[in-house]
Amino acid sequence: MTDGYSGYNKVRDVARCGCWAHLRRRYEEAMPKNGAIEGSTAAVGFQYCNRLFDIERALEKLTPDERKIQRQEQSRPVLEAYFAWLETVNPLRGSKLADAITYSVNQRESLCEFLNDGRIELSNNRAENSLRPFVNGRKAWLFADTKKGAQSSAIVYSIVESAKANRINPFMYLVHIFQKMPSLDFKNDPVLLESLMPWSTELPDYCRNNAN
């Protein structure tokens, strides 16, 4: 699940999923600064995006298989209507609206990929929200001094945010893995790390107490 950055196309053997929040933001930025927003072309595109998000909220509690079925029934017609509408739009070249339209056309395949798997979310907001603490911290330290330092920082943030995503107390989780990992020969047997993963049912209860 990514934005439209073309560099991601180099990743092999994956299904590229487009983020509808990125597209919706483009329409929001394209809305008239002066004059009526309601009924504007950008507002129409914005509402198409909102309709998809409304459907997703209604499907939130379904299983992935059930969600896939409902997406085919409810979301697919919205997508078909949206891309048919795009063909009728003739935006001013170089405008923000043109940017939103071009993004939609170029990313059509990835933007429709969520129809094929009920586990896929409509946007990558969850991942971006996990990156926000790092971005805020970066304002204080400005940059990583070395490549290894940057890699270490990325590892630590990944561990902490994965703990949060699995409703695990990050501090107690770090205490637990720092206590257990030194005694495990995980370099020769990586499977030993499975019991330490933040989704493992073998984690002690104190890792779940007061979880964020």
Protein backbone atom coordinates (compact mmCIF):
# COMPACT_ATOMS: atom_id res chain seq x y z
CA MET A 1 0.00 0.00 0.00
CA THR A 2 1.80 3.10 -1.25
CA ASP A 3 1.42 6.47 -2.89
CA GLY A 4 2.24 6.91 -6.57
CA TYR A 5 6.03 7.02 -6.25
CA SER A 6 7.35 5.10 -9.27
CA GLY A 7 10.34 3.70 -7.37
CA TYR A 8 8.05 1.20 -5.67
CA ASN A 9 7.51 -0.46 -9.05
CA LYS A 10 10.99 -1.96 -8.74
CA VAL A 11 9.82 -4.22 -5.90
CA ARG A 12 9.30 -7.65 -7.42
CA ASP A 13 6.52 -10.19 -6.88
CA VAL A 14 4.12 -7.87 -5.05
CA ALA A 15 0.69 -6.46 -5.79
CA ARG A 16 0.94 -2.67 -5.76
CA CYS A 17 -1.99 -1.08 -3.92
CA GLY A 18 -2.77 2.61 -4.38
CA CYS A 19 -3.70 4.91 -1.52
CA TRP A 20 -7.04 6.70 -1.90
CA ALA A 21 -6.21 9.17 0.86
CA HIS A 22 -3.39 10.54 -1.32
CA LEU A 23 -5.79 10.95 -4.23
CA ARG A 24 -8.48 12.55 -2.07
CA ARG A 25 -5.92 15.04 -0.76
CA ARG A 26 -5.13 16.07 -4.33
CA TYR A 27 -8.78 16.90 -4.96
CA GLU A 28 -8.98 18.81 -1.70
CA GLU A 29 -5.98 20.91 -2.73
CA ALA A 30 -7.56 21.48 -6.15
CA MET A 31 -10.76 23.02 -4.78
CA PRO A 32 -11.32 26.68 -5.66
CA LYS A 33 -9.78 29.13 -3.21
CA ASN A 34 -12.25 31.78 -4.28
CA GLY A 35 -15.79 31.03 -5.33
CA ALA A 36 -18.15 28.14 -4.82
CA ILE A 37 -16.57 24.84 -3.83
CA GLU A 38 -19.79 22.85 -3.92
CA GLY A 39 -20.40 21.53 -7.41
CA SER A 40 -16.87 22.27 -8.58
CA THR A 41 -15.08 19.56 -10.54
CA ALA A 42 -12.61 19.03 -7.71
CA ALA A 43 -15.47 18.65 -5.22
CA VAL A 44 -17.05 15.97 -7.42
CA GLY A 45 -13.82 13.98 -7.45
CA PHE A 46 -13.48 14.50 -3.70
CA GLN A 47 -16.97 13.11 -3.14
CA TYR A 48 -16.22 10.00 -5.20
CA CYS A 49 -13.33 9.32 -2.81
CA ASN A 50 -15.54 9.95 0.20
CA ARG A 51 -18.12 7.47 -1.05
CA LEU A 52 -15.48 4.74 -1.08
CA PHE A 53 -14.36 5.63 2.45
CA ASP A 54 -17.99 5.61 3.64
CA ILE A 55 -18.41 2.09 2.25
CA GLU A 56 -15.21 0.97 3.98
CA ARG A 57 -16.41 2.23 7.36
CA ALA A 58 -19.60 0.20 6.94
CA LEU A 59 -17.56 -2.93 6.10
CA GLU A 60 -15.05 -2.50 8.93
CA LYS A 61 -16.30 -5.38 11.10
CA LEU A 62 -16.60 -7.93 8.31
CA THR A 63 -14.12 -10.73 7.69
CA PRO A 64 -11.70 -10.21 4.77
CA ASP A 65 -13.68 -12.64 2.60
CA GLU A 66 -16.98 -10.92 3.40
CA ARG A 67 -15.42 -7.52 2.79
CA LYS A 68 -14.14 -8.61 -0.62
CA ILE A 69 -17.63 -9.69 -1.65
CA GLN A 70 -19.19 -6.42 -0.50
CA ARG A 71 -16.51 -4.39 -2.23
CA GLN A 72 -17.37 -6.11 -5.49
CA GLU A 73 -21.04 -5.26 -4.96
CA GLN A 74 -20.71 -1.75 -3.52
CA SER A 75 -17.30 -0.28 -4.29
CA ARG A 76 -16.81 -1.54 -7.84
CA PRO A 77 -19.80 0.43 -9.25
CA VAL A 78 -18.43 3.59 -7.60
CA LEU A 79 -15.03 2.97 -9.18
CA GLU A 80 -16.56 2.37 -12.60
CA ALA A 81 -18.59 5.56 -12.31
CA TYR A 82 -15.55 7.50 -11.16
CA PHE A 83 -13.28 6.45 -14.02
CA ALA A 84 -16.10 7.04 -16.52
CA TRP A 85 -16.51 10.54 -15.07
CA LEU A 86 -12.78 11.18 -15.49
CA GLU A 87 -13.15 10.82 -19.25
CA THR A 88 -15.56 13.77 -19.27
CA VAL A 89 -13.23 16.12 -17.39
CA ASN A 90 -10.96 18.52 -19.28
CA PRO A 91 -8.84 20.24 -16.60
CA LEU A 92 -6.57 23.23 -17.16
CA ARG A 93 -3.12 21.94 -18.00
CA GLY A 94 -0.70 22.31 -15.11
CA SER A 95 -3.47 22.88 -12.56
CA LYS A 96 -3.91 20.95 -9.31
CA LEU A 97 -7.06 19.43 -10.77
CA ALA A 98 -5.06 18.15 -13.73
CA ASP A 99 -2.61 16.65 -11.26
CA ALA A 100 -5.44 14.75 -9.51
CA ILE A 101 -6.86 13.52 -12.82
CA THR A 102 -3.46 12.42 -14.14
CA TYR A 103 -2.69 10.67 -10.86
CA SER A 104 -5.98 8.76 -11.10
CA VAL A 105 -5.40 7.64 -14.67
CA ASN A 106 -1.78 6.63 -14.11
CA GLN A 107 -2.55 4.81 -10.86
CA ARG A 108 -5.80 3.18 -11.94
CA GLU A 109 -4.59 -0.41 -11.61
CA SER A 110 -3.13 0.09 -8.14
CA LEU A 111 -6.13 2.16 -6.98
CA CYS A 112 -8.44 -0.73 -7.91
CA GLU A 113 -6.30 -3.44 -6.33
CA PHE A 114 -8.18 -3.27 -3.00
CA LEU A 115 -11.12 -4.96 -4.72
CA ASN A 116 -9.12 -8.18 -5.00
CA ASP A 117 -8.29 -8.75 -1.34
CA GLY A 118 -10.42 -7.93 1.70
CA ARG A 119 -7.32 -7.53 3.86
CA ILE A 120 -6.15 -4.50 1.92
CA GLU A 121 -7.07 -1.13 3.37
CA LEU A 122 -8.24 1.80 1.28
CA SER A 123 -5.34 3.99 2.34
CA ASN A 124 -1.94 3.77 3.98
CA ASN A 125 -2.92 6.23 6.72
CA ARG A 126 -2.17 3.63 9.38
CA ALA A 127 1.45 3.36 8.19
CA GLU A 128 1.83 7.11 7.82
CA ASN A 129 0.51 7.70 11.33
CA SER A 130 3.14 5.25 12.61
CA LEU A 131 5.84 7.31 10.89
CA ARG A 132 4.68 10.57 12.48
CA PRO A 133 6.70 10.17 15.73
CA PHE A 134 9.85 9.69 13.67
CA VAL A 135 9.08 12.76 11.56
CA ASN A 136 8.48 14.85 14.68
CA GLY A 137 11.71 13.59 16.24
CA ARG A 138 13.65 14.36 13.09
CA LYS A 139 12.97 18.05 13.67
CA ALA A 140 15.07 17.79 16.82
CA TRP A 141 18.01 15.71 15.57
CA LEU A 142 17.88 16.98 11.95
CA PHE A 143 19.58 13.92 10.45
CA ALA A 144 21.25 10.61 11.17
CA ASP A 145 25.03 11.04 11.46
CA THR A 146 25.86 7.65 9.93
CA LYS A 147 24.20 5.01 7.76
CA LYS A 148 24.35 2.49 10.60
CA GLY A 149 22.75 5.02 12.91
CA ALA A 150 19.89 5.50 10.47
CA GLN A 151 19.41 1.73 10.18
CA SER A 152 19.42 1.32 13.96
CA SER A 153 16.89 4.11 14.34
CA ALA A 154 14.64 2.51 11.71
CA ILE A 155 14.81 -0.84 13.53
CA VAL A 156 13.91 0.67 16.89
CA TYR A 157 10.97 2.64 15.45
CA SER A 158 9.74 -0.46 13.61
CA ILE A 159 9.79 -2.50 16.81
CA VAL A 160 7.98 0.16 18.83
CA GLU A 161 5.32 0.90 16.22
CA SER A 162 4.73 -2.83 15.61
CA ALA A 163 4.15 -3.23 19.34
CA LYS A 164 1.62 -0.39 19.31
CA ALA A 165 -0.16 -1.86 16.29
CA ASN A 166 -0.57 -5.14 18.18
CA ARG A 167 -1.75 -3.41 21.39
CA ILE A 168 1.44 -4.26 23.24
CA ASN A 169 3.03 -1.96 25.82
CA PRO A 170 6.19 -0.80 23.95
CA PHE A 171 8.35 -0.29 27.04
CA MET A 172 7.50 -3.64 28.65
CA TYR A 173 7.86 -5.34 25.27
CA LEU A 174 11.38 -3.96 24.89
CA VAL A 175 12.21 -5.11 28.43
CA HIS A 176 10.99 -8.59 27.55
CA ILE A 177 12.91 -8.99 24.28
CA PHE A 178 16.11 -7.53 25.79
CA GLN A 179 15.89 -10.14 28.53
CA LYS A 180 15.14 -13.07 26.24
CA MET A 181 17.11 -12.47 23.05
CA PRO A 182 20.66 -12.80 24.50
CA SER A 183 19.96 -16.42 25.41
CA LEU A 184 18.54 -17.37 21.99
CA ASP A 185 20.68 -18.62 19.13
CA PHE A 186 18.41 -16.79 16.66
CA LYS A 187 21.18 -16.13 14.13
CA ASN A 188 21.43 -19.86 13.42
CA ASP A 189 17.76 -20.53 14.03
CA PRO A 190 15.60 -17.47 13.16
CA VAL A 191 12.43 -19.42 13.98
CA LEU A 192 13.25 -18.86 17.65
CA LEU A 193 12.25 -15.23 17.18
CA GLU A 194 8.64 -16.14 16.45
CA SER A 195 7.79 -16.33 20.14
CA LEU A 196 9.07 -12.77 20.59
CA MET A 197 7.05 -11.19 17.81
CA PRO A 198 4.51 -8.59 19.00
CA TRP A 199 1.64 -10.75 17.73
CA SER A 200 2.85 -13.88 19.49
CA THR A 201 0.44 -15.47 21.97
CA GLU A 202 3.46 -16.52 24.03
CA LEU A 203 4.23 -13.00 25.22
CA PRO A 204 3.78 -12.55 28.99
CA ASP A 205 0.75 -10.66 30.26
CA TYR A 206 2.84 -7.77 31.54
CA CYS A 207 3.57 -6.85 27.92
CA ARG A 208 -0.12 -6.19 27.44
CA ASN A 209 -0.74 -4.19 30.59
CA ASN A 210 -1.40 -0.49 30.01
CA ALA A 211 -0.82 -0.93 26.29
CA ASN A 212 -1.18 2.21 24.18
